[in-house]
Amino acid sequence: MNVSHEFDRFRSIVGPALKSKQEEFLLLGYDNVSEEEIWQFLVKKKWRKGKNEIKLHEVIQSILSLKIGEFMNYSAVEALKEAEFTLDDDEELLELLK
């Protein structure tokens, strides 16, 4: 889900930095990470409590300093938030609680 954010005005300008970060993740073996996913991470996590006026160099710094672990932790939490868990079977529930 794409979220409109006040920093979206930088999105087209910082495209090369996002591409560079995506390629770095690819070299590390993470071939399913898109530029858009990196951008959404920054918007939703890194800049959610940021100051109102961010400068272009700060946006680029955020992109280039992003670590794969930080991104993957965020991705895992988001995937769990979207997953639907149901334990309709009492035996499954008891097994889980052992």
PDB file of N, CA and C in Angstrom:
ATOM      1  N   MET A   1       0.843  -1.176   0.000  1.00  0.00           N
ATOM      2  CA  MET A   1       0.000   0.000   0.000  1.00  0.00           C
ATOM      3  C   MET A   1       0.892   1.244   0.000  1.00  0.00           C
ATOM      4  N   ASN A   2       0.703   2.100  -0.933  1.00  0.00           N
ATOM      5  CA  ASN A   2       1.471   3.335  -1.007  1.00  0.00           C
ATOM      6  C   ASN A   2       0.813   4.403  -0.153  1.00  0.00           C
ATOM      7  N   VAL A   3       1.621   5.108   0.572  1.00  0.00           N
ATOM      8  CA  VAL A   3       1.132   6.156   1.454  1.00  0.00           C
ATOM      9  C   VAL A   3       1.640   7.485   0.923  1.00  0.00           C
ATOM     10  N   SER A   4       0.745   8.457   0.782  1.00  0.00           N
ATOM     11  CA  SER A   4       1.169   9.780   0.358  1.00  0.00           C
ATOM     12  C   SER A   4       1.890  10.432   1.534  1.00  0.00           C
ATOM     13  N   HIS A   5       2.994  11.020   1.255  1.00  0.00           N
ATOM     14  CA  HIS A   5       3.825  11.584   2.316  1.00  0.00           C
ATOM     15  C   HIS A   5       4.367  12.919   1.846  1.00  0.00           C
ATOM     16  N   GLU A   6       4.605  13.813   2.790  1.00  0.00           N
ATOM     17  CA  GLU A   6       5.101  15.132   2.427  1.00  0.00           C
ATOM     18  C   GLU A   6       6.460  15.088   1.738  1.00  0.00           C
ATOM     19  N   PHE A   7       7.224  14.016   1.929  1.00  0.00           N
ATOM     20  CA  PHE A   7       8.538  13.911   1.306  1.00  0.00           C
ATOM     21  C   PHE A   7       8.485  13.293  -0.087  1.00  0.00           C
ATOM     22  N   ASP A   8       7.297  12.959  -0.561  1.00  0.00           N
ATOM     23  CA  ASP A   8       7.155  12.373  -1.894  1.00  0.00           C
ATOM     24  C   ASP A   8       7.651  13.317  -2.994  1.00  0.00           C
ATOM     25  N   ARG A   9       7.776  14.583  -2.682  1.00  0.00           N
ATOM     26  CA  ARG A   9       8.287  15.533  -3.681  1.00  0.00           C
ATOM     27  C   ARG A   9       9.737  15.218  -4.066  1.00  0.00           C
ATOM     28  N   PHE A  10      10.439  14.479  -3.210  1.00  0.00           N
ATOM     29  CA  PHE A  10      11.821  14.097  -3.484  1.00  0.00           C
ATOM     30  C   PHE A  10      11.934  12.793  -4.271  1.00  0.00           C
ATOM     31  N   ARG A  11      10.839  12.057  -4.376  1.00  0.00           N
ATOM     32  CA  ARG A  11      10.879  10.681  -4.905  1.00  0.00           C
ATOM     33  C   ARG A  11      11.569  10.586  -6.258  1.00  0.00           C
ATOM     34  N   SER A  12      11.222  11.423  -7.205  1.00  0.00           N
ATOM     35  CA  SER A  12      11.816  11.322  -8.539  1.00  0.00           C
ATOM     36  C   SER A  12      13.270  11.803  -8.549  1.00  0.00           C
ATOM     37  N   ILE A  13      13.589  12.730  -7.672  1.00  0.00           N
ATOM     38  CA  ILE A  13      14.948  13.267  -7.623  1.00  0.00           C
ATOM     39  C   ILE A  13      15.931  12.239  -7.067  1.00  0.00           C
ATOM     40  N   VAL A  14      15.513  11.469  -6.081  1.00  0.00           N
ATOM     41  CA  VAL A  14      16.407  10.530  -5.415  1.00  0.00           C
ATOM     42  C   VAL A  14      16.359   9.131  -6.028  1.00  0.00           C
ATOM     43  N   GLY A  15      15.745   9.004  -7.181  1.00  0.00           N
ATOM     44  CA  GLY A  15      15.670   7.713  -7.868  1.00  0.00           C
ATOM     45  C   GLY A  15      17.013   7.008  -8.010  1.00  0.00           C
ATOM     46  N   PRO A  16      18.075   7.711  -8.421  1.00  0.00           N
ATOM     47  CA  PRO A  16      19.377   7.036  -8.534  1.00  0.00           C
ATOM     48  C   PRO A  16      19.903   6.486  -7.203  1.00  0.00           C
ATOM     49  N   ALA A  17      19.666   7.181  -6.115  1.00  0.00           N
ATOM     50  CA  ALA A  17      20.099   6.686  -4.803  1.00  0.00           C
ATOM     51  C   ALA A  17      19.308   5.444  -4.412  1.00  0.00           C
ATOM     52  N   LEU A  18      17.998   5.449  -4.693  1.00  0.00           N
ATOM     53  CA  LEU A  18      17.181   4.274  -4.411  1.00  0.00           C
ATOM     54  C   LEU A  18      17.634   3.078  -5.242  1.00  0.00           C
ATOM     55  N   LYS A  19      17.943   3.335  -6.512  1.00  0.00           N
ATOM     56  CA  LYS A  19      18.430   2.271  -7.405  1.00  0.00           C
ATOM     57  C   LYS A  19      19.750   1.712  -6.882  1.00  0.00           C
ATOM     58  N   SER A  20      20.630   2.586  -6.434  1.00  0.00           N
ATOM     59  CA  SER A  20      21.912   2.163  -5.879  1.00  0.00           C
ATOM     60  C   SER A  20      21.714   1.275  -4.651  1.00  0.00           C
ATOM     61  N   LYS A  21      20.803   1.670  -3.776  1.00  0.00           N
ATOM     62  CA  LYS A  21      20.540   0.884  -2.567  1.00  0.00           C
ATOM     63  C   LYS A  21      19.915  -0.459  -2.940  1.00  0.00           C
ATOM     64  N   GLN A  22      19.019  -0.477  -3.908  1.00  0.00           N
ATOM     65  CA  GLN A  22      18.421  -1.723  -4.367  1.00  0.00           C
ATOM     66  C   GLN A  22      19.503  -2.658  -4.924  1.00  0.00           C
ATOM     67  N   GLU A  23      20.424  -2.109  -5.704  1.00  0.00           N
ATOM     68  CA  GLU A  23      21.513  -2.908  -6.266  1.00  0.00           C
ATOM     69  C   GLU A  23      22.440  -3.438  -5.170  1.00  0.00           C
ATOM     70  N   GLU A  24      22.663  -2.650  -4.135  1.00  0.00           N
ATOM     71  CA  GLU A  24      23.463  -3.110  -3.000  1.00  0.00           C
ATOM     72  C   GLU A  24      22.795  -4.311  -2.331  1.00  0.00           C
ATOM     73  N   PHE A  25      21.483  -4.212  -2.108  1.00  0.00           N
ATOM     74  CA  PHE A  25      20.741  -5.319  -1.512  1.00  0.00           C
ATOM     75  C   PHE A  25      20.791  -6.547  -2.418  1.00  0.00           C
ATOM     76  N   LEU A  26      20.736  -6.329  -3.713  1.00  0.00           N
ATOM     77  CA  LEU A  26      20.832  -7.428  -4.681  1.00  0.00           C
ATOM     78  C   LEU A  26      22.178  -8.142  -4.547  1.00  0.00           C
ATOM     79  N   LEU A  27      23.252  -7.374  -4.425  1.00  0.00           N
ATOM     80  CA  LEU A  27      24.585  -7.964  -4.245  1.00  0.00           C
ATOM     81  C   LEU A  27      24.687  -8.775  -2.956  1.00  0.00           C
ATOM     82  N   LEU A  28      23.889  -8.404  -1.963  1.00  0.00           N
ATOM     83  CA  LEU A  28      23.881  -9.121  -0.693  1.00  0.00           C
ATOM     84  C   LEU A  28      22.951 -10.331  -0.721  1.00  0.00           C
ATOM     85  N   GLY A  29      22.294 -10.547  -1.874  1.00  0.00           N
ATOM     86  CA  GLY A  29      21.435 -11.716  -2.024  1.00  0.00           C
ATOM     87  C   GLY A  29      19.956 -11.458  -1.821  1.00  0.00           C
ATOM     88  N   TYR A  30      19.572 -10.227  -1.655  1.00  0.00           N
ATOM     89  CA  TYR A  30      18.162  -9.882  -1.457  1.00  0.00           C
ATOM     90  C   TYR A  30      17.604  -9.357  -2.774  1.00  0.00           C
ATOM     91  N   ASP A  31      17.179 -10.288  -3.637  1.00  0.00           N
ATOM     92  CA  ASP A  31      16.785  -9.908  -4.992  1.00  0.00           C
ATOM     93  C   ASP A  31      15.314  -9.535  -5.135  1.00  0.00           C
ATOM     94  N   ASN A  32      14.549  -9.598  -4.053  1.00  0.00           N
ATOM     95  CA  ASN A  32      13.127  -9.266  -4.148  1.00  0.00           C
ATOM     96  C   ASN A  32      12.785  -7.900  -3.558  1.00  0.00           C
ATOM     97  N   VAL A  33      13.769  -7.079  -3.305  1.00  0.00           N
ATOM     98  CA  VAL A  33      13.530  -5.754  -2.727  1.00  0.00           C
ATOM     99  C   VAL A  33      13.464  -4.731  -3.853  1.00  0.00           C
ATOM    100  N   SER A  34      12.365  -3.996  -3.902  1.00  0.00           N
ATOM    101  CA  SER A  34      12.194  -2.996  -4.957  1.00  0.00           C
ATOM    102  C   SER A  34      12.534  -1.599  -4.441  1.00  0.00           C
ATOM    103  N   GLU A  35      12.741  -0.697  -5.368  1.00  0.00           N
ATOM    104  CA  GLU A  35      12.976   0.705  -5.005  1.00  0.00           C
ATOM    105  C   GLU A  35      11.773   1.245  -4.235  1.00  0.00           C
ATOM    106  N   GLU A  36      10.587   0.884  -4.671  1.00  0.00           N
ATOM    107  CA  GLU A  36       9.364   1.367  -4.020  1.00  0.00           C
ATOM    108  C   GLU A  36       9.262   0.852  -2.589  1.00  0.00           C
ATOM    109  N   GLU A  37       9.676  -0.381  -2.336  1.00  0.00           N
ATOM    110  CA  GLU A  37       9.646  -0.918  -0.974  1.00  0.00           C
ATOM    111  C   GLU A  37      10.633  -0.175  -0.080  1.00  0.00           C
ATOM    112  N   ILE A  38      11.773   0.154  -0.617  1.00  0.00           N
ATOM    113  CA  ILE A  38      12.757   0.934   0.144  1.00  0.00           C
ATOM    114  C   ILE A  38      12.176   2.306   0.476  1.00  0.00           C
ATOM    115  N   TRP A  39      11.575   2.944  -0.517  1.00  0.00           N
ATOM    116  CA  TRP A  39      10.975   4.263  -0.313  1.00  0.00           C
ATOM    117  C   TRP A  39       9.873   4.201   0.745  1.00  0.00           C
ATOM    118  N   GLN A  40       8.999   3.184   0.662  1.00  0.00           N
ATOM    119  CA  GLN A  40       7.906   3.055   1.627  1.00  0.00           C
ATOM    120  C   GLN A  40       8.439   2.813   3.043  1.00  0.00           C
ATOM    121  N   PHE A  41       9.535   2.054   3.161  1.00  0.00           N
ATOM    122  CA  PHE A  41      10.164   1.876   4.470  1.00  0.00           C
ATOM    123  C   PHE A  41      10.573   3.228   5.051  1.00  0.00           C
ATOM    124  N   LEU A  42      11.238   4.021   4.229  1.00  0.00           N
ATOM    125  CA  LEU A  42      11.706   5.323   4.697  1.00  0.00           C
ATOM    126  C   LEU A  42      10.544   6.214   5.105  1.00  0.00           C
ATOM    127  N   VAL A  43       9.497   6.222   4.303  1.00  0.00           N
ATOM    128  CA  VAL A  43       8.327   7.060   4.584  1.00  0.00           C
ATOM    129  C   VAL A  43       7.610   6.601   5.857  1.00  0.00           C
ATOM    130  N   LYS A  44       7.392   5.303   5.972  1.00  0.00           N
ATOM    131  CA  LYS A  44       6.592   4.789   7.088  1.00  0.00           C
ATOM    132  C   LYS A  44       7.383   4.652   8.388  1.00  0.00           C
ATOM    133  N   LYS A  45       8.648   4.353   8.285  1.00  0.00           N
ATOM    134  CA  LYS A  45       9.422   4.061   9.490  1.00  0.00           C
ATOM    135  C   LYS A  45      10.435   5.155   9.836  1.00  0.00           C
ATOM    136  N   LYS A  46      11.284   5.468   8.901  1.00  0.00           N
ATOM    137  CA  LYS A  46      12.396   6.380   9.164  1.00  0.00           C
ATOM    138  C   LYS A  46      11.926   7.828   9.359  1.00  0.00           C
ATOM    139  N   TRP A  47      10.974   8.245   8.545  1.00  0.00           N
ATOM    140  CA  TRP A  47      10.559   9.651   8.572  1.00  0.00           C
ATOM    141  C   TRP A  47       9.209   9.874   9.222  1.00  0.00           C
ATOM    142  N   ARG A  48       8.625   8.886   9.834  1.00  0.00           N
ATOM    143  CA  ARG A  48       7.276   9.048  10.373  1.00  0.00           C
ATOM    144  C   ARG A  48       7.215  10.081  11.481  1.00  0.00           C
ATOM    145  N   LYS A  49       8.285  10.225  12.230  1.00  0.00           N
ATOM    146  CA  LYS A  49       8.310  11.209  13.313  1.00  0.00           C
ATOM    147  C   LYS A  49       9.327  12.302  13.035  1.00  0.00           C
ATOM    148  N   GLY A  50       9.636  12.479  11.789  1.00  0.00           N
ATOM    149  CA  GLY A  50      10.666  13.434  11.407  1.00  0.00           C
ATOM    150  C   GLY A  50      10.209  14.874  11.503  1.00  0.00           C
ATOM    151  N   LYS A  51      11.173  15.716  11.337  1.00  0.00           N
ATOM    152  CA  LYS A  51      10.861  17.139  11.350  1.00  0.00           C
ATOM    153  C   LYS A  51      10.086  17.498  10.089  1.00  0.00           C
ATOM    154  N   ASN A  52       9.409  18.612  10.124  1.00  0.00           N
ATOM    155  CA  ASN A  52       8.551  19.014   9.008  1.00  0.00           C
ATOM    156  C   ASN A  52       9.345  19.326   7.744  1.00  0.00           C
ATOM    157  N   GLU A  53      10.450  19.960   7.884  1.00  0.00           N
ATOM    158  CA  GLU A  53      11.242  20.365   6.713  1.00  0.00           C
ATOM    159  C   GLU A  53      12.502  19.528   6.642  1.00  0.00           C
ATOM    160  N   ILE A  54      12.537  18.623   5.715  1.00  0.00           N
ATOM    161  CA  ILE A  54      13.717  17.804   5.507  1.00  0.00           C
ATOM    162  C   ILE A  54      14.406  18.283   4.241  1.00  0.00           C
ATOM    163  N   LYS A  55      15.684  18.248   4.242  1.00  0.00           N
ATOM    164  CA  LYS A  55      16.457  18.716   3.085  1.00  0.00           C
ATOM    165  C   LYS A  55      16.825  17.537   2.197  1.00  0.00           C
ATOM    166  N   LEU A  56      17.083  17.831   0.934  1.00  0.00           N
ATOM    167  CA  LEU A  56      17.399  16.799  -0.040  1.00  0.00           C
ATOM    168  C   LEU A  56      18.580  15.942   0.414  1.00  0.00           C
ATOM    169  N   HIS A  57      19.627  16.557   0.910  1.00  0.00           N
ATOM    170  CA  HIS A  57      20.794  15.783   1.334  1.00  0.00           C
ATOM    171  C   HIS A  57      20.466  14.845   2.484  1.00  0.00           C
ATOM    172  N   GLU A  58      19.498  15.203   3.343  1.00  0.00           N
ATOM    173  CA  GLU A  58      19.088  14.322   4.432  1.00  0.00           C
ATOM    174  C   GLU A  58      18.312  13.112   3.909  1.00  0.00           C
ATOM    175  N   VAL A  59      17.524  13.327   2.866  1.00  0.00           N
ATOM    176  CA  VAL A  59      16.793  12.232   2.236  1.00  0.00           C
ATOM    177  C   VAL A  59      17.782  11.244   1.627  1.00  0.00           C
ATOM    178  N   ILE A  60      18.751  11.755   0.897  1.00  0.00           N
ATOM    179  CA  ILE A  60      19.760  10.899   0.263  1.00  0.00           C
ATOM    180  C   ILE A  60      20.581  10.172   1.329  1.00  0.00           C
ATOM    181  N   GLN A  61      20.944  10.853   2.397  1.00  0.00           N
ATOM    182  CA  GLN A  61      21.685  10.228   3.501  1.00  0.00           C
ATOM    183  C   GLN A  61      20.886   9.071   4.096  1.00  0.00           C
ATOM    184  N   SER A  62      19.585   9.260   4.281  1.00  0.00           N
ATOM    185  CA  SER A  62      18.733   8.199   4.818  1.00  0.00           C
ATOM    186  C   SER A  62      18.730   6.977   3.915  1.00  0.00           C
ATOM    187  N   ILE A  63      18.691   7.210   2.618  1.00  0.00           N
ATOM    188  CA  ILE A  63      18.684   6.102   1.662  1.00  0.00           C
ATOM    189  C   ILE A  63      20.010   5.365   1.692  1.00  0.00           C
ATOM    190  N   LEU A  64      21.089   6.102   1.567  1.00  0.00           N
ATOM    191  CA  LEU A  64      22.402   5.476   1.446  1.00  0.00           C
ATOM    192  C   LEU A  64      22.887   4.834   2.738  1.00  0.00           C
ATOM    193  N   SER A  65      22.394   5.279   3.884  1.00  0.00           N
ATOM    194  CA  SER A  65      22.829   4.709   5.159  1.00  0.00           C
ATOM    195  C   SER A  65      21.942   3.551   5.615  1.00  0.00           C
ATOM    196  N   LEU A  66      20.897   3.244   4.872  1.00  0.00           N
ATOM    197  CA  LEU A  66      19.985   2.166   5.235  1.00  0.00           C
ATOM    198  C   LEU A  66      20.710   0.820   5.216  1.00  0.00           C
ATOM    199  N   LYS A  67      20.568   0.072   6.289  1.00  0.00           N
ATOM    200  CA  LYS A  67      21.171  -1.255   6.419  1.00  0.00           C
ATOM    201  C   LYS A  67      20.127  -2.322   6.097  1.00  0.00           C
ATOM    202  N   ILE A  68      20.584  -3.429   5.511  1.00  0.00           N
ATOM    203  CA  ILE A  68      19.670  -4.493   5.123  1.00  0.00           C
ATOM    204  C   ILE A  68      18.937  -5.071   6.328  1.00  0.00           C
ATOM    205  N   GLY A  69      19.595  -5.198   7.455  1.00  0.00           N
ATOM    206  CA  GLY A  69      18.951  -5.734   8.651  1.00  0.00           C
ATOM    207  C   GLY A  69      17.792  -4.882   9.114  1.00  0.00           C
ATOM    208  N   GLU A  70      17.988  -3.588   9.075  1.00  0.00           N
ATOM    209  CA  GLU A  70      16.948  -2.640   9.456  1.00  0.00           C
ATOM    210  C   GLU A  70      15.732  -2.796   8.538  1.00  0.00           C
ATOM    211  N   PHE A  71      15.998  -2.901   7.251  1.00  0.00           N
ATOM    212  CA  PHE A  71      14.917  -3.043   6.277  1.00  0.00           C
ATOM    213  C   PHE A  71      14.204  -4.386   6.434  1.00  0.00           C
ATOM    214  N   MET A  72      14.963  -5.467   6.618  1.00  0.00           N
ATOM    215  CA  MET A  72      14.360  -6.796   6.732  1.00  0.00           C
ATOM    216  C   MET A  72      13.549  -6.937   8.016  1.00  0.00           C
ATOM    217  N   ASN A  73      13.999  -6.341   9.116  1.00  0.00           N
ATOM    218  CA  ASN A  73      13.208  -6.354  10.354  1.00  0.00           C
ATOM    219  C   ASN A  73      11.864  -5.681  10.136  1.00  0.00           C
ATOM    220  N   TYR A  74      11.893  -4.528   9.503  1.00  0.00           N
ATOM    221  CA  TYR A  74      10.661  -3.808   9.188  1.00  0.00           C
ATOM    222  C   TYR A  74       9.757  -4.661   8.305  1.00  0.00           C
ATOM    223  N   SER A  75      10.325  -5.285   7.266  1.00  0.00           N
ATOM    224  CA  SER A  75       9.545  -6.098   6.334  1.00  0.00           C
ATOM    225  C   SER A  75       8.896  -7.280   7.044  1.00  0.00           C
ATOM    226  N   ALA A  76       9.621  -7.900   7.960  1.00  0.00           N
ATOM    227  CA  ALA A  76       9.085  -9.042   8.703  1.00  0.00           C
ATOM    228  C   ALA A  76       7.909  -8.618   9.583  1.00  0.00           C
ATOM    229  N   VAL A  77       8.051  -7.504  10.257  1.00  0.00           N
ATOM    230  CA  VAL A  77       6.972  -7.006  11.110  1.00  0.00           C
ATOM    231  C   VAL A  77       5.748  -6.653  10.265  1.00  0.00           C
ATOM    232  N   GLU A  78       5.960  -6.000   9.132  1.00  0.00           N
ATOM    233  CA  GLU A  78       4.837  -5.648   8.254  1.00  0.00           C
ATOM    234  C   GLU A  78       4.137  -6.896   7.725  1.00  0.00           C
ATOM    235  N   ALA A  79       4.906  -7.921   7.383  1.00  0.00           N
ATOM    236  CA  ALA A  79       4.311  -9.165   6.892  1.00  0.00           C
ATOM    237  C   ALA A  79       3.466  -9.822   7.982  1.00  0.00           C
ATOM    238  N   LEU A  80       3.949  -9.793   9.214  1.00  0.00           N
ATOM    239  CA  LEU A  80       3.174 -10.365  10.319  1.00  0.00           C
ATOM    240  C   LEU A  80       1.902  -9.572  10.583  1.00  0.00           C
ATOM    241  N   LYS A  81       1.959  -8.272  10.440  1.00  0.00           N
ATOM    242  CA  LYS A  81       0.777  -7.435  10.635  1.00  0.00           C
ATOM    243  C   LYS A  81      -0.304  -7.761   9.612  1.00  0.00           C
ATOM    244  N   GLU A  82       0.117  -8.086   8.397  1.00  0.00           N
ATOM    245  CA  GLU A  82      -0.829  -8.359   7.327  1.00  0.00           C
ATOM    246  C   GLU A  82      -1.330  -9.803   7.322  1.00  0.00           C
ATOM    247  N   ALA A  83      -0.614 -10.696   8.002  1.00  0.00           N
ATOM    248  CA  ALA A  83      -0.995 -12.110   8.016  1.00  0.00           C
ATOM    249  C   ALA A  83      -2.221 -12.310   8.900  1.00  0.00           C
ATOM    250  N   GLU A  84      -3.032 -13.239   8.493  1.00  0.00           N
ATOM    251  CA  GLU A  84      -4.204 -13.587   9.286  1.00  0.00           C
ATOM    252  C   GLU A  84      -3.958 -14.941   9.925  1.00  0.00           C
ATOM    253  N   PHE A  85      -3.995 -14.954  11.233  1.00  0.00           N
ATOM    254  CA  PHE A  85      -3.802 -16.197  11.958  1.00  0.00           C
ATOM    255  C   PHE A  85      -5.129 -16.630  12.543  1.00  0.00           C
ATOM    256  N   THR A  86      -5.468 -17.888  12.331  1.00  0.00           N
ATOM    257  CA  THR A  86      -6.660 -18.449  12.955  1.00  0.00           C
ATOM    258  C   THR A  86      -6.298 -19.782  13.554  1.00  0.00           C
ATOM    259  N   LEU A  87      -6.744 -19.982  14.742  1.00  0.00           N
ATOM    260  CA  LEU A  87      -6.544 -21.259  15.425  1.00  0.00           C
ATOM    261  C   LEU A  87      -7.925 -21.809  15.777  1.00  0.00           C
ATOM    262  N   ASP A  88      -8.566 -22.360  14.775  1.00  0.00           N
ATOM    263  CA  ASP A  88      -9.910 -22.893  14.970  1.00  0.00           C
ATOM    264  C   ASP A  88      -9.877 -24.255  15.643  1.00  0.00           C
ATOM    265  N   ASP A  89      -8.771 -24.936  15.520  1.00  0.00           N
ATOM    266  CA  ASP A  89      -8.630 -26.279  16.058  1.00  0.00           C
ATOM    267  C   ASP A  89      -8.027 -26.195  17.452  1.00  0.00           C
ATOM    268  N   ASP A  90      -8.718 -26.739  18.452  1.00  0.00           N
ATOM    269  CA  ASP A  90      -8.219 -26.702  19.837  1.00  0.00           C
ATOM    270  C   ASP A  90      -6.905 -27.451  19.975  1.00  0.00           C
ATOM    271  N   GLU A  91      -6.721 -28.516  19.201  1.00  0.00           N
ATOM    272  CA  GLU A  91      -5.473 -29.278  19.266  1.00  0.00           C
ATOM    273  C   GLU A  91      -4.290 -28.419  18.794  1.00  0.00           C
ATOM    274  N   GLU A  92      -4.497 -27.647  17.745  1.00  0.00           N
ATOM    275  CA  GLU A  92      -3.438 -26.745  17.257  1.00  0.00           C
ATOM    276  C   GLU A  92      -3.093 -25.726  18.325  1.00  0.00           C
ATOM    277  N   LEU A  93      -4.092 -25.178  18.967  1.00  0.00           N
ATOM    278  CA  LEU A  93      -3.870 -24.184  20.010  1.00  0.00           C
ATOM    279  C   LEU A  93      -3.081 -24.791  21.176  1.00  0.00           C
ATOM    280  N   LEU A  94      -3.453 -25.972  21.603  1.00  0.00           N
ATOM    281  CA  LEU A  94      -2.742 -26.637  22.715  1.00  0.00           C
ATOM    282  C   LEU A  94      -1.302 -26.943  22.319  1.00  0.00           C
ATOM    283  N   GLU A  95      -1.086 -27.376  21.085  1.00  0.00           N
ATOM    284  CA  GLU A  95       0.266 -27.656  20.599  1.00  0.00           C
ATOM    285  C   GLU A  95       1.120 -26.385  20.588  1.00  0.00           C
ATOM    286  N   LEU A  96       0.515 -25.297  20.185  1.00  0.00           N
ATOM    287  CA  LEU A  96       1.214 -24.015  20.138  1.00  0.00           C
ATOM    288  C   LEU A  96       1.600 -23.545  21.532  1.00  0.00           C
ATOM    289  N   LEU A  97       0.743 -23.786  22.486  1.00  0.00           N
ATOM    290  CA  LEU A  97       0.968 -23.301  23.852  1.00  0.00           C
ATOM    291  C   LEU A  97       1.864 -24.206  24.691  1.00  0.00           C
ATOM    292  N   LYS A  98       2.302 -25.332  24.164  1.00  0.00           N
ATOM    293  CA  LYS A  98       3.189 -26.251  24.919  1.00  0.00           C
ATOM    294  C   LYS A  98       4.506 -25.600  25.229  1.00  0.00           C
TER     295      LYS A  98
END
